[in-house]
C-alpha atoms as a PDB file:
ATOM      1  CA  MET A   1      47.320 -16.334 -26.180  1.00  0.00           C
ATOM      2  CA  GLY A   2      43.796 -14.992 -26.381  1.00  0.00           C
ATOM      3  CA  THR A   3      41.213 -14.536 -23.687  1.00  0.00           C
ATOM      4  CA  TYR A   4      38.231 -16.801 -23.529  1.00  0.00           C
ATOM      5  CA  ASN A   5      34.862 -16.271 -21.892  1.00  0.00           C
ATOM      6  CA  ILE A   6      33.940 -19.035 -19.488  1.00  0.00           C
ATOM      7  CA  PRO A   7      30.215 -19.828 -19.636  1.00  0.00           C
ATOM      8  CA  ARG A   8      28.413 -19.594 -16.321  1.00  0.00           C
ATOM      9  CA  ASN A   9      24.862 -19.872 -15.080  1.00  0.00           C
ATOM     10  CA  VAL A  10      23.442 -16.359 -14.599  1.00  0.00           C
ATOM     11  CA  LYS A  11      19.775 -17.357 -14.257  1.00  0.00           C
ATOM     12  CA  GLY A  12      19.351 -16.490 -10.576  1.00  0.00           C
ATOM     13  CA  GLU A  13      21.393 -13.289 -10.480  1.00  0.00           C
ATOM     14  CA  GLY A  14      18.426 -11.006 -11.190  1.00  0.00           C
ATOM     15  CA  ARG A  15      16.576 -12.218  -8.107  1.00  0.00           C
ATOM     16  CA  ILE A  16      15.823 -10.167  -5.013  1.00  0.00           C
ATOM     17  CA  LEU A  17      15.267 -11.980  -1.706  1.00  0.00           C
ATOM     18  CA  PHE A  18      15.851 -15.318  -3.498  1.00  0.00           C
ATOM     19  CA  ILE A  19      12.255 -15.872  -4.757  1.00  0.00           C
ATOM     20  CA  PHE A  20      11.475 -12.431  -6.158  1.00  0.00           C
ATOM     21  CA  SER A  21      12.663 -11.369  -9.568  1.00  0.00           C
ATOM     22  CA  THR A  22      12.333  -7.671 -10.273  1.00  0.00           C
ATOM     23  CA  LYS A  23       9.186  -8.238 -12.320  1.00  0.00           C
ATOM     24  CA  ALA A  24       7.620 -10.470  -9.640  1.00  0.00           C
ATOM     25  CA  LEU A  25       8.400  -7.889  -6.955  1.00  0.00           C
ATOM     26  CA  ILE A  26       6.711  -5.143  -8.977  1.00  0.00           C
ATOM     27  CA  TYR A  27       3.615  -7.250  -9.636  1.00  0.00           C
ATOM     28  CA  SER A  28       3.451  -8.269  -5.956  1.00  0.00           C
ATOM     29  CA  GLY A  29       3.691  -4.626  -4.916  1.00  0.00           C
ATOM     30  CA  VAL A  30       0.882  -3.614  -7.277  1.00  0.00           C
ATOM     31  CA  GLY A  31      -1.227  -6.502  -5.964  1.00  0.00           C
ATOM     32  CA  ALA A  32      -0.504  -5.433  -2.381  1.00  0.00           C
ATOM     33  CA  LEU A  33      -1.580  -1.859  -3.229  1.00  0.00           C
ATOM     34  CA  ILE A  34      -4.869  -3.141  -4.638  1.00  0.00           C
ATOM     35  CA  GLY A  35      -5.305  -5.275  -1.533  1.00  0.00           C
ATOM     36  CA  GLY A  36      -4.471  -2.200   0.553  1.00  0.00           C
ATOM     37  CA  LEU A  37      -7.565  -0.480  -0.797  1.00  0.00           C
ATOM     38  CA  PHE A  38      -9.653  -3.392   0.452  1.00  0.00           C
ATOM     39  CA  TYR A  39      -7.760  -3.244   3.761  1.00  0.00           C
ATOM     40  CA  ILE A  40      -8.765   0.390   4.238  1.00  0.00           C
ATOM     41  CA  ILE A  41     -12.403  -0.402   3.487  1.00  0.00           C
ATOM     42  CA  PHE A  42     -12.496  -3.415   5.807  1.00  0.00           C
ATOM     43  CA  ASN A  43     -10.565  -1.528   8.499  1.00  0.00           C
ATOM     44  CA  LEU A  44     -13.246   1.178   8.510  1.00  0.00           C
ATOM     45  CA  LEU A  45     -15.825  -1.568   9.036  1.00  0.00           C
ATOM     46  CA  GLY A  46     -13.803  -3.028  11.920  1.00  0.00           C
ATOM     47  CA  LEU A  47     -12.738  -6.156  10.001  1.00  0.00           C
ATOM     48  CA  THR A  48      -8.972  -5.693  10.104  1.00  0.00           C
ATOM     49  CA  LEU A  49      -8.134  -9.403   9.772  1.00  0.00           C
ATOM     50  CA  ILE A  50     -10.135  -9.723   6.558  1.00  0.00           C
ATOM     51  CA  GLY A  51      -8.318  -6.644   5.218  1.00  0.00           C
ATOM     52  CA  VAL A  52      -4.919  -8.184   5.950  1.00  0.00           C
ATOM     53  CA  ILE A  53      -6.030 -11.413   4.238  1.00  0.00           C
ATOM     54  CA  CYS A  54      -7.038  -9.346   1.171  1.00  0.00           C
ATOM     55  CA  VAL A  55      -3.594  -7.690   1.037  1.00  0.00           C
ATOM     56  CA  ILE A  56      -1.843 -11.066   1.226  1.00  0.00           C
ATOM     57  CA  PHE A  57      -4.204 -12.606  -1.337  1.00  0.00           C
ATOM     58  CA  PHE A  58      -3.764  -9.848  -3.929  1.00  0.00           C
ATOM     59  CA  ALA A  59       0.022  -9.775  -3.385  1.00  0.00           C
ATOM     60  CA  LEU A  60       0.076 -13.544  -3.974  1.00  0.00           C
ATOM     61  CA  ILE A  61      -1.983 -13.140  -7.160  1.00  0.00           C
ATOM     62  CA  GLY A  62       0.496 -10.480  -8.349  1.00  0.00           C
ATOM     63  CA  PHE A  63       3.426 -12.772  -7.567  1.00  0.00           C
ATOM     64  CA  ILE A  64       1.830 -15.632  -9.522  1.00  0.00           C
ATOM     65  CA  ILE A  65       1.152 -13.403 -12.532  1.00  0.00           C
ATOM     66  CA  GLY A  66       4.714 -12.049 -12.504  1.00  0.00           C
ATOM     67  CA  THR A  67       6.485 -15.373 -11.955  1.00  0.00           C
ATOM     68  CA  PHE A  68       4.715 -18.364 -13.433  1.00  0.00           C
ATOM     69  CA  LYS A  69       4.162 -19.497 -17.001  1.00  0.00           C
ATOM     70  CA  VAL A  70       1.011 -20.845 -18.626  1.00  0.00           C
ATOM     71  CA  PRO A  71       1.138 -24.652 -18.428  1.00  0.00           C
ATOM     72  CA  ASN A  72       1.405 -26.539 -21.699  1.00  0.00           C
ATOM     73  CA  LEU A  73      -1.730 -28.707 -21.654  1.00  0.00           C
ATOM     74  CA  ASN A  74      -3.198 -30.183 -24.816  1.00  0.00           C
ATOM     75  CA  ARG A  75      -6.631 -30.604 -23.234  1.00  0.00           C
ATOM     76  CA  PHE A  76      -7.584 -26.916 -23.387  1.00  0.00           C
ATOM     77  CA  GLU A  77      -7.272 -24.676 -26.448  1.00  0.00           C
ATOM     78  CA  ILE A  78      -5.970 -21.637 -24.545  1.00  0.00           C
ATOM     79  CA  THR A  79      -3.143 -23.599 -22.921  1.00  0.00           C
ATOM     80  CA  ARG A  80      -2.304 -25.361 -26.161  1.00  0.00           C
ATOM     81  CA  LYS A  81      -1.754 -22.030 -27.921  1.00  0.00           C
ATOM     82  CA  THR A  82      -0.076 -20.102 -25.092  1.00  0.00           C
ATOM     83  CA  GLY A  83       1.693 -22.906 -23.245  1.00  0.00           C
ATOM     84  CA  GLY A  84       5.109 -21.930 -21.930  1.00  0.00           C
ATOM     85  CA  GLU A  85       4.573 -18.167 -22.151  1.00  0.00           C
ATOM     86  CA  ASN A  86       4.571 -15.862 -19.135  1.00  0.00           C
ATOM     87  CA  ILE A  87       1.122 -15.209 -17.695  1.00  0.00           C
ATOM     88  CA  ASP A  88       1.604 -11.445 -17.731  1.00  0.00           C
ATOM     89  CA  ASP A  89       2.488 -11.499 -21.441  1.00  0.00           C
ATOM     90  CA  VAL A  90      -0.689 -13.433 -22.221  1.00  0.00           C
ATOM     91  CA  ILE A  91      -2.786 -10.982 -20.180  1.00  0.00           C
ATOM     92  CA  LYS A  92      -1.161  -7.973 -21.900  1.00  0.00           C
ATOM     93  CA  ARG A  93      -1.785  -9.441 -25.346  1.00  0.00           C
ATOM     94  CA  ALA A  94      -5.425 -10.271 -24.519  1.00  0.00           C
ATOM     95  CA  PHE A  95      -5.968  -6.735 -23.197  1.00  0.00           C
ATOM     96  CA  LYS A  96      -4.428  -5.223 -26.346  1.00  0.00           C
ATOM     97  CA  PHE A  97      -6.604  -7.417 -28.526  1.00  0.00           C
ATOM     98  CA  LYS A  98      -9.800  -6.500 -26.646  1.00  0.00           C
ATOM     99  CA  THR A  99      -9.117  -2.762 -26.832  1.00  0.00           C
ATOM    100  CA  ARG A 100      -8.260  -2.661 -30.538  1.00  0.00           C
ATOM    101  CA  LYS A 101     -10.697  -1.202 -33.018  1.00  0.00           C
ATOM    102  CA  HIS A 102      -9.762  -3.514 -35.851  1.00  0.00           C
ATOM    103  CA  LYS A 103      -9.400  -7.137 -34.841  1.00  0.00           C
ATOM    104  CA  TYR A 104      -7.601  -9.717 -36.915  1.00  0.00           C
ATOM    105  CA  TYR A 105      -8.325 -13.393 -36.454  1.00  0.00           C
ATOM    106  CA  ILE A 106      -6.038 -16.193 -37.538  1.00  0.00           C
ATOM    107  CA  TYR A 107      -7.830 -19.182 -39.018  1.00  0.00           C
ATOM    108  CA  ASP A 108      -6.511 -22.639 -38.161  1.00  0.00           C
ATOM    109  CA  TYR A 109      -6.199 -24.515 -41.461  1.00  0.00           C
ATOM    110  CA  THR A 110      -4.993 -27.726 -39.856  1.00  0.00           C
ATOM    111  CA  LYS A 111      -8.550 -28.683 -38.851  1.00  0.00           C
ATOM    112  CA  GLU A 112      -9.686 -28.743 -42.475  1.00  0.00           C
ATOM    113  CA  GLU A 113      -6.630 -30.684 -43.576  1.00  0.00           C
ATOM    114  CA  ASN A 114      -7.373 -33.384 -41.009  1.00  0.00           C
ATOM    115  CA  LYS A 115     -10.937 -33.796 -42.333  1.00  0.00           C
ATOM    116  CA  ASP A 116      -9.685 -34.846 -45.771  1.00  0.00           C
ATOM    117  CA  GLU A 117      -7.591 -37.724 -44.442  1.00  0.00           C
END
């Protein structure tokens, strides 16, 4: 008799503290560090509560970027082309494209084909 692998669901095994994946935890930490800079500035001005709100806000933005995907909406061009991809991957690709010297554009030929019909 041979051995057989039994399939199992391993989707949630890379999670830390149930909601944080490793990537989401890193992005939340970076967001909290950015918010920490605002906390220091507002703390010097005596506005500690606003500084804490900034830390929470930037950590939440980091969590959203690290966790969620771009929605697949046909109404907007950007969501039609990037729907279903991770937000951080889209941001990385846009940043790479903006910093390149030579830019290559892809022309959409389907628009011209629809005009002939």
